[in-house]
Amino acid sequence: MMGKRFLCQNETRAVVIGDRIRKADHYFSRLFGLLPKSSLEPGEGLWIYPCNDIHSIGMRFRFDALFLDKELRVVHLVEDMGPWKVTPIIRQAKSVLELGSGVIAQTGTQLGDQLSFKQQ
């Protein structure tokens, strides 16, 4: 049910964040997000657009989240978000990239980093 597949790169750090990123840009893909999954494999993620806040109600695993502005710059980070949590609304954010727990640390991604998405 999820949309197209993308490769996401952190242009600032010259590192690939994920090579199997799915875009959730329709009502049902955004509504269900990662809920049907029990984990994320390395390289997998979900890019939710439009989006400026997320929750993990009903989730079965921990994950990282990058909040991105309209230019795809990182404006907020959430590391190792556990189940049954809700983030604040991040007003500058236009989309959110959900990744496996630990990806933010592994890639060295920081506030202000520029990301890019290339459709595969």
N, C-alpha and C. Protein backbone atom coordinates (compact mmCIF):
# COMPACT_ATOMS: atom_id res chain seq x y z
N MET A 1 0.82 -1.19 0.00
CA MET A 1 0.00 0.00 0.00
C MET A 1 0.86 1.26 0.00
N MET A 2 2.09 1.16 0.45
CA MET A 2 2.94 2.34 0.51
C MET A 2 3.43 2.71 -0.87
N GLY A 3 3.83 3.98 -0.98
CA GLY A 3 4.20 4.56 -2.26
C GLY A 3 5.55 4.12 -2.79
N LYS A 4 6.08 4.98 -3.62
CA LYS A 4 7.33 4.72 -4.33
C LYS A 4 8.50 4.51 -3.38
N ARG A 5 9.57 3.93 -3.92
CA ARG A 5 10.78 3.66 -3.14
C ARG A 5 11.85 4.70 -3.48
N PHE A 6 12.59 5.14 -2.43
CA PHE A 6 13.60 6.18 -2.59
C PHE A 6 14.90 5.79 -1.91
N LEU A 7 15.97 6.40 -2.39
CA LEU A 7 17.25 6.39 -1.71
C LEU A 7 17.36 7.76 -1.05
N CYS A 8 17.66 7.78 0.25
CA CYS A 8 17.82 9.03 0.99
C CYS A 8 19.28 9.21 1.35
N GLN A 9 19.81 10.37 1.01
CA GLN A 9 21.20 10.68 1.32
C GLN A 9 21.26 11.93 2.18
N ASN A 10 22.16 11.90 3.17
CA ASN A 10 22.49 13.10 3.92
C ASN A 10 23.60 13.79 3.13
N GLU A 11 23.25 14.84 2.42
CA GLU A 11 24.21 15.54 1.56
C GLU A 11 25.29 16.24 2.39
N THR A 12 24.92 16.73 3.56
CA THR A 12 25.87 17.42 4.42
C THR A 12 26.98 16.49 4.89
N ARG A 13 26.64 15.26 5.23
CA ARG A 13 27.59 14.29 5.77
C ARG A 13 28.09 13.30 4.71
N ALA A 14 27.54 13.37 3.50
CA ALA A 14 27.90 12.46 2.41
C ALA A 14 27.75 11.00 2.82
N VAL A 15 26.57 10.68 3.38
CA VAL A 15 26.28 9.32 3.82
C VAL A 15 24.84 8.96 3.43
N VAL A 16 24.65 7.70 3.05
CA VAL A 16 23.31 7.20 2.74
C VAL A 16 22.58 6.90 4.04
N ILE A 17 21.39 7.45 4.16
CA ILE A 17 20.56 7.21 5.35
C ILE A 17 19.72 5.96 5.17
N GLY A 18 19.23 5.75 3.96
CA GLY A 18 18.45 4.55 3.67
C GLY A 18 18.32 4.36 2.18
N ASP A 19 18.29 3.11 1.75
CA ASP A 19 18.17 2.84 0.32
C ASP A 19 16.85 2.15 -0.03
N ARG A 20 16.00 1.97 0.97
CA ARG A 20 14.67 1.40 0.76
C ARG A 20 13.64 2.21 1.54
N ILE A 21 13.55 3.49 1.21
CA ILE A 21 12.63 4.40 1.87
C ILE A 21 11.33 4.42 1.08
N ARG A 22 10.23 4.20 1.76
CA ARG A 22 8.90 4.28 1.14
C ARG A 22 8.28 5.62 1.50
N LYS A 23 7.56 6.21 0.55
CA LYS A 23 6.89 7.48 0.80
C LYS A 23 5.42 7.24 1.10
N ALA A 24 4.97 7.78 2.20
CA ALA A 24 3.57 7.71 2.59
C ALA A 24 2.97 9.09 2.36
N ASP A 25 2.28 9.27 1.23
CA ASP A 25 1.76 10.58 0.90
C ASP A 25 0.27 10.56 0.56
N HIS A 26 -0.40 9.49 0.94
CA HIS A 26 -1.85 9.38 0.79
C HIS A 26 -2.46 9.06 2.14
N TYR A 27 -3.73 9.31 2.27
CA TYR A 27 -4.40 9.18 3.57
C TYR A 27 -4.11 7.86 4.27
N PHE A 28 -4.35 6.73 3.63
CA PHE A 28 -4.19 5.44 4.32
C PHE A 28 -2.73 5.10 4.60
N SER A 29 -1.83 5.45 3.67
CA SER A 29 -0.41 5.15 3.92
C SER A 29 0.11 5.98 5.09
N ARG A 30 -0.38 7.21 5.25
CA ARG A 30 0.02 8.04 6.40
C ARG A 30 -0.68 7.55 7.66
N LEU A 31 -1.94 7.17 7.55
CA LEU A 31 -2.71 6.73 8.71
C LEU A 31 -2.09 5.50 9.36
N PHE A 32 -1.72 4.51 8.57
CA PHE A 32 -1.19 3.26 9.12
C PHE A 32 0.33 3.28 9.28
N GLY A 33 1.03 4.06 8.46
CA GLY A 33 2.47 4.21 8.60
C GLY A 33 3.18 2.88 8.78
N LEU A 34 3.96 2.80 9.86
CA LEU A 34 4.73 1.58 10.16
C LEU A 34 3.98 0.61 11.08
N LEU A 35 2.73 0.90 11.41
CA LEU A 35 1.99 0.03 12.34
C LEU A 35 1.95 -1.43 11.93
N PRO A 36 1.81 -1.76 10.65
CA PRO A 36 1.76 -3.19 10.29
C PRO A 36 3.10 -3.91 10.46
N LYS A 37 4.19 -3.19 10.60
CA LYS A 37 5.52 -3.81 10.66
C LYS A 37 5.91 -4.16 12.09
N SER A 38 6.74 -5.17 12.23
CA SER A 38 7.25 -5.55 13.55
C SER A 38 8.68 -5.07 13.75
N SER A 39 9.31 -4.57 12.67
CA SER A 39 10.67 -4.03 12.75
C SER A 39 10.99 -3.36 11.42
N LEU A 40 12.13 -2.68 11.40
CA LEU A 40 12.66 -2.12 10.16
C LEU A 40 14.01 -2.77 9.89
N GLU A 41 14.20 -3.24 8.68
CA GLU A 41 15.49 -3.80 8.28
C GLU A 41 16.46 -2.65 8.00
N PRO A 42 17.77 -2.89 8.04
CA PRO A 42 18.72 -1.85 7.67
C PRO A 42 18.41 -1.30 6.28
N GLY A 43 18.42 0.02 6.16
CA GLY A 43 18.13 0.67 4.89
C GLY A 43 16.67 1.02 4.68
N GLU A 44 15.77 0.44 5.48
CA GLU A 44 14.34 0.72 5.34
C GLU A 44 13.95 1.98 6.12
N GLY A 45 12.88 2.60 5.65
CA GLY A 45 12.33 3.75 6.35
C GLY A 45 11.02 4.16 5.73
N LEU A 46 10.36 5.12 6.37
CA LEU A 46 9.10 5.65 5.87
C LEU A 46 9.17 7.16 5.91
N TRP A 47 8.97 7.78 4.74
CA TRP A 47 8.96 9.23 4.59
C TRP A 47 7.50 9.68 4.52
N ILE A 48 7.04 10.35 5.56
CA ILE A 48 5.63 10.75 5.68
C ILE A 48 5.49 12.21 5.25
N TYR A 49 4.64 12.44 4.23
CA TYR A 49 4.43 13.78 3.72
C TYR A 49 2.97 13.98 3.36
N PRO A 50 2.35 15.07 3.77
CA PRO A 50 2.84 16.07 4.70
C PRO A 50 2.73 15.56 6.13
N CYS A 51 3.58 16.09 7.00
CA CYS A 51 3.58 15.65 8.39
C CYS A 51 4.45 16.59 9.23
N ASN A 52 3.96 16.94 10.44
CA ASN A 52 4.78 17.74 11.34
C ASN A 52 4.72 17.25 12.78
N ASP A 53 4.10 16.10 12.99
CA ASP A 53 4.14 15.42 14.29
C ASP A 53 3.83 13.95 14.07
N ILE A 54 4.30 13.11 14.98
CA ILE A 54 4.08 11.67 14.84
C ILE A 54 3.74 11.08 16.20
N HIS A 55 3.23 9.85 16.15
CA HIS A 55 2.99 9.08 17.38
C HIS A 55 3.46 7.66 17.15
N SER A 56 3.64 6.95 18.24
CA SER A 56 4.02 5.53 18.14
C SER A 56 3.02 4.65 18.87
N ILE A 57 1.79 5.11 18.95
CA ILE A 57 0.72 4.34 19.59
C ILE A 57 0.47 3.08 18.77
N GLY A 58 0.61 1.94 19.40
CA GLY A 58 0.42 0.66 18.73
C GLY A 58 1.67 0.09 18.07
N MET A 59 2.76 0.86 18.09
CA MET A 59 4.00 0.37 17.48
C MET A 59 4.59 -0.76 18.32
N ARG A 60 5.34 -1.63 17.64
CA ARG A 60 5.94 -2.79 18.31
C ARG A 60 7.45 -2.72 18.38
N PHE A 61 8.02 -1.58 17.97
CA PHE A 61 9.48 -1.45 17.99
C PHE A 61 9.86 0.03 18.13
N ARG A 62 11.11 0.26 18.48
CA ARG A 62 11.65 1.60 18.64
C ARG A 62 12.19 2.08 17.29
N PHE A 63 12.22 3.41 17.10
CA PHE A 63 12.69 3.95 15.83
C PHE A 63 13.21 5.37 16.03
N ASP A 64 13.94 5.86 15.03
CA ASP A 64 14.41 7.25 14.97
C ASP A 64 13.51 8.01 14.01
N ALA A 65 13.44 9.33 14.19
CA ALA A 65 12.65 10.17 13.28
C ALA A 65 13.38 11.48 12.99
N LEU A 66 13.40 11.84 11.72
CA LEU A 66 13.96 13.11 11.28
C LEU A 66 12.82 13.98 10.76
N PHE A 67 12.65 15.16 11.33
CA PHE A 67 11.64 16.11 10.88
C PHE A 67 12.32 17.05 9.89
N LEU A 68 11.71 17.21 8.70
CA LEU A 68 12.33 17.94 7.61
C LEU A 68 11.48 19.14 7.20
N ASP A 69 12.16 20.26 6.87
CA ASP A 69 11.43 21.41 6.37
C ASP A 69 11.18 21.26 4.87
N LYS A 70 10.62 22.30 4.24
CA LYS A 70 10.27 22.18 2.81
C LYS A 70 11.48 22.02 1.91
N GLU A 71 12.67 22.41 2.38
CA GLU A 71 13.90 22.23 1.60
C GLU A 71 14.62 20.93 1.96
N LEU A 72 13.98 20.08 2.78
CA LEU A 72 14.52 18.80 3.23
C LEU A 72 15.73 18.95 4.16
N ARG A 73 15.74 20.03 4.92
CA ARG A 73 16.75 20.20 5.97
C ARG A 73 16.18 19.67 7.28
N VAL A 74 17.04 19.07 8.09
CA VAL A 74 16.63 18.51 9.38
C VAL A 74 16.36 19.65 10.36
N VAL A 75 15.11 19.71 10.86
CA VAL A 75 14.74 20.76 11.81
C VAL A 75 14.45 20.21 13.21
N HIS A 76 14.36 18.88 13.33
CA HIS A 76 14.13 18.26 14.64
C HIS A 76 14.52 16.79 14.53
N LEU A 77 15.06 16.25 15.63
CA LEU A 77 15.48 14.84 15.67
C LEU A 77 14.81 14.15 16.85
N VAL A 78 14.42 12.92 16.64
CA VAL A 78 13.95 12.07 17.74
C VAL A 78 14.69 10.75 17.62
N GLU A 79 15.47 10.43 18.64
CA GLU A 79 16.23 9.18 18.64
C GLU A 79 15.58 8.15 19.54
N ASP A 80 15.50 6.92 19.04
CA ASP A 80 15.05 5.77 19.82
C ASP A 80 13.68 5.98 20.45
N MET A 81 12.72 6.41 19.63
CA MET A 81 11.35 6.64 20.12
C MET A 81 10.68 5.31 20.42
N GLY A 82 10.22 5.17 21.62
CA GLY A 82 9.56 3.94 22.04
C GLY A 82 8.08 3.94 21.73
N PRO A 83 7.46 2.78 21.90
CA PRO A 83 6.01 2.67 21.69
C PRO A 83 5.22 3.57 22.63
N TRP A 84 4.04 3.98 22.16
CA TRP A 84 3.07 4.73 22.95
C TRP A 84 3.55 6.14 23.31
N LYS A 85 4.29 6.77 22.40
CA LYS A 85 4.77 8.14 22.59
C LYS A 85 4.15 9.05 21.53
N VAL A 86 4.14 10.36 21.81
CA VAL A 86 3.65 11.36 20.87
C VAL A 86 4.66 12.51 20.87
N THR A 87 5.03 12.98 19.68
CA THR A 87 5.95 14.11 19.59
C THR A 87 5.15 15.42 19.61
N PRO A 88 5.83 16.50 19.95
CA PRO A 88 5.17 17.80 19.78
C PRO A 88 5.03 18.13 18.30
N ILE A 89 4.19 19.08 17.99
CA ILE A 89 4.10 19.58 16.62
C ILE A 89 5.34 20.43 16.36
N ILE A 90 6.02 20.14 15.28
CA ILE A 90 7.21 20.90 14.88
C ILE A 90 6.77 21.79 13.71
N ARG A 91 6.53 23.04 14.00
CA ARG A 91 5.91 23.95 13.02
C ARG A 91 6.67 24.08 11.71
N GLN A 92 8.02 24.03 11.77
CA GLN A 92 8.80 24.18 10.53
C GLN A 92 8.77 22.92 9.67
N ALA A 93 8.41 21.79 10.27
CA ALA A 93 8.47 20.51 9.55
C ALA A 93 7.35 20.39 8.53
N LYS A 94 7.72 19.86 7.37
CA LYS A 94 6.75 19.56 6.31
C LYS A 94 6.64 18.06 6.08
N SER A 95 7.66 17.31 6.54
CA SER A 95 7.63 15.85 6.41
C SER A 95 8.47 15.24 7.52
N VAL A 96 8.27 13.93 7.72
CA VAL A 96 9.02 13.20 8.74
C VAL A 96 9.53 11.90 8.12
N LEU A 97 10.79 11.60 8.41
CA LEU A 97 11.41 10.37 7.94
C LEU A 97 11.62 9.46 9.14
N GLU A 98 10.91 8.32 9.16
CA GLU A 98 11.05 7.34 10.24
C GLU A 98 12.03 6.26 9.80
N LEU A 99 12.99 5.97 10.69
CA LEU A 99 14.09 5.05 10.39
C LEU A 99 14.29 4.09 11.55
N GLY A 100 15.07 3.06 11.33
CA GLY A 100 15.40 2.14 12.40
C GLY A 100 16.12 2.85 13.54
N SER A 101 15.91 2.36 14.74
CA SER A 101 16.56 2.94 15.91
C SER A 101 18.08 2.87 15.74
N GLY A 102 18.76 3.97 15.97
CA GLY A 102 20.20 4.03 15.87
C GLY A 102 20.73 4.62 14.58
N VAL A 103 19.87 4.82 13.58
CA VAL A 103 20.32 5.34 12.29
C VAL A 103 20.84 6.77 12.41
N ILE A 104 20.19 7.59 13.23
CA ILE A 104 20.66 8.97 13.40
C ILE A 104 22.09 8.97 13.91
N ALA A 105 22.37 8.19 14.94
CA ALA A 105 23.73 8.12 15.49
C ALA A 105 24.70 7.50 14.49
N GLN A 106 24.30 6.42 13.82
CA GLN A 106 25.19 5.74 12.86
C GLN A 106 25.60 6.64 11.71
N THR A 107 24.69 7.52 11.28
CA THR A 107 24.98 8.38 10.13
C THR A 107 25.52 9.75 10.55
N GLY A 108 25.51 10.04 11.84
CA GLY A 108 25.99 11.33 12.32
C GLY A 108 25.07 12.48 11.95
N THR A 109 23.82 12.20 11.63
CA THR A 109 22.88 13.24 11.20
C THR A 109 22.60 14.21 12.34
N GLN A 110 22.60 15.51 12.00
CA GLN A 110 22.40 16.57 12.98
C GLN A 110 21.42 17.61 12.47
N LEU A 111 20.94 18.46 13.37
CA LEU A 111 20.08 19.57 12.99
C LEU A 111 20.76 20.40 11.91
N GLY A 112 19.99 20.81 10.92
CA GLY A 112 20.50 21.63 9.83
C GLY A 112 21.05 20.85 8.65
N ASP A 113 21.23 19.54 8.80
CA ASP A 113 21.75 18.74 7.68
C ASP A 113 20.76 18.75 6.52
N GLN A 114 21.33 18.74 5.31
CA GLN A 114 20.53 18.74 4.09
C GLN A 114 20.38 17.31 3.58
N LEU A 115 19.14 16.86 3.39
CA LEU A 115 18.88 15.53 2.85
C LEU A 115 18.42 15.63 1.40
N SER A 116 18.54 14.53 0.68
CA SER A 116 17.98 14.43 -0.67
C SER A 116 17.34 13.06 -0.82
N PHE A 117 16.34 12.98 -1.68
CA PHE A 117 15.64 11.74 -1.98
C PHE A 117 15.70 11.52 -3.48
N LYS A 118 16.12 10.33 -3.87
CA LYS A 118 16.16 9.97 -5.29
C LYS A 118 15.29 8.74 -5.48
N GLN A 119 14.30 8.87 -6.37
CA GLN A 119 13.41 7.74 -6.63
C GLN A 119 14.15 6.61 -7.30
N GLN A 120 13.86 5.39 -6.86
CA GLN A 120 14.52 4.20 -7.44
C GLN A 120 13.56 3.43 -8.30
